[in-house]
């Protein structure tokens, strides 16, 4: 390949015109690649070898012409630029690009992966990137930057839909002639972003007819006679997250309402004899629903609302499902008479058909069909005298009674649907003479209980006396006057019906028991009878614990311990077993029994890592490891009252300080007022005082020693200055008299200048050439 170049001109004759052209570049590579050809009046540049733009993309040639006389022309500069051929395709730096990203990666301009391709061509190095994907029908969540190769997330990721994305990235030049493709693999890391789904499957015999398992509230119907531990259904926890996430699934009963009884069901995961840690790892997702106890609608087991909660993962996600647990009543209760014995008194003149009285048996079954009771008199010799209404228990007289007649009959109350469920009672009927009958109380002693501090007035109970006569004859009731007048008692009785009323507030702490008597008065016969009344005042938790106000229980206490001594002892013993009694607090409660029992607590639970607080109020330091003094303790008291315990309204603060660092303790109290403070015990307190005293004496001794040392140094310095002053005075006096000081050295040069010219070499400064007085002298002198 040849390229024509401009020629040089020489105005000389043919004998001295241009002879040849040559390169003046000192580069052998140019001579290997290019050659100059002179052809007639033309100059051509011949290419000897193939050029490679990727190695060298330009050359700078310097050419001169030489005439036949040896003269050279000026320099011709030739710049050669090698055009590039698109002969190389882009090449990726990796054969496969693989990365992992969590599924909650946000949509942003942040790159999750960067693919890089290079092109060996000289000029066409601009590479464009594009994604080749096979999923044309679905939303593709990634895009690539056309110029940089950075891949971004453009749509939300969901591990449960697709956990791995495989696609290809194409890198091509601008002319799209050459390109290359690399596979890209992006794995989506599952995170806990799906709430667990609780699926309840109930056996058909317990399932409600209209219940739907997909409803928010699932209804279960159970009979109360179901056995304890009976399986009634299953619960399956489903989750769309990966199996690794589901390993942590757990299900528990969040709430069971009402709470007056324990929850009637329990969850059984089916895991037996397994370590607790292993249970957590296995994380079963299937549970059995079992009854946890025997059910009884008569004690309130009629309906429960149960909420299940499933949760797992980090962060934990949970879901809830409501279960309506309905317990149906069964005919399982025996009718019970209200009294074990009934007594009725009749006048001998009572007419036939008169209602003697009424007995009652109660069936606790809740269903109206199951608590119907039927009454029946067991056959005996007195059946011809009375009869009973089988439906309501009313007893009627069907034959006249004679005076002083008394007899007993047995009455049974049967369940109307199940005669095997029955109860029986004894009924005593007696007749009396109206002229000799006295009104009689039904009980010789009435006992009533009430709580203190109830808002008065309120009814507490009722007494009743049989009139013996016609019910139209009134009986009045009165409180018997004894040592105390009725006005002093906080009670009032209604004279017409015997109802006893509390008239003012009662306080157990003032009086816990009241005893008095009540008379009944028959207004026809003017006869009376008497019964005794006992009223017990039950304690109510109405008093707060109160700390003792003595100096030993001040609101702020400062306790000094010797931590240094304790630490030294702890080298020989375990520091956690070296217990130190810090202080003792004491509080009182005016309530009685459990309402007055007091326990003590720290307000900060971190205090229990170093201190024990016992029920008697003793505070013991048991662990000194990492204990930083001074340390603040705050204690409050709480009683064991029912139904709600009460806390003390005030608390006690104790500062535990180091005895050797009293200044660090936040105490404004004089030391003389802190004699009540405790250290280890009395013996350890003496050791602490002795050590403190020795510490102070040692400190004083060290300070005195330092002061004495300083005084000695000052005296020495002053004495030295005085001596030097005296020597300097003597020296000056000798100098004025023309004498040399015995300590003054002899200088050869100075003496020569004063006398004659002396050769330096003849001045001997050797210590051997000394005079009798020890001074240096001249060895010899040349004049």
Foldseek 3Di string as FASTA:
>chain_A
DKDWDDADFDPDDPQWTWDDKDWPDPDVVCVQAWDWDDDPPTIMIDGNDDDDCLVPFKDWTWMWIATPVGDIDHIDIDIGGHDWDQPWAWAWPDQEAEDEEAQAPDFDPDFPDATDTATSINPQTFKFKFWAADPPPDDDQWGADGGGRGITGRDGGDCLVPFKGKTKMKIGTPVRPHIDIHIYIYGYDFAPDWAKDKFKFFPPVFADPPADRPDLEGETEAALQDAFFDWGTKIFIDTSTDPQFQQQKDKAWPDKPPPPDDHQKGKALPDPPDDPVVSRRNNGRMITITGHHRGDVLVPQAKMKIKMWMWTGVVIHIDIGIYIYGYAWDLDWFWAKPDQEAEFEAALPDDFFDFRDFTDTFTSTPDPLRTFKFKDWDDDPCCQQWDADRRGRTITGHDGDDAFDKDKTKMKIAGPVDRVRIDIHIYMYHYHHPVPDAWAWPDQEAEWEDEFPDDDKDWTDFTDTDLSDDPVFFKFKDWDDDPDDPVVAQWDAGGGTRTIIGNHTDDVLVPFKDKTKMWIAGPPNRHIDMHIYIYGYDYALDWAKAWDVDLLQPQEAEAAEAVVVLVVVCVVPPQLALKAWWGFTDIFTSTDDQSTQKAKDWPDPVCVVAWDQGRRRIIMGRHPVPDDPQDKTKMWMWTRGPPDIHIHPGIHIYTYHYPLCVVPTPDPDDPVSNPSTGYRHVVSVVVVVVVNVVVVVVVVVVVVVVVVVVVVVVVVVVVVVVVVVVVVVVQVVCVVVVHHDLPDADDPVVVCVVPHPFDPVQQDPDQVQADPSSYGDGPDGDD
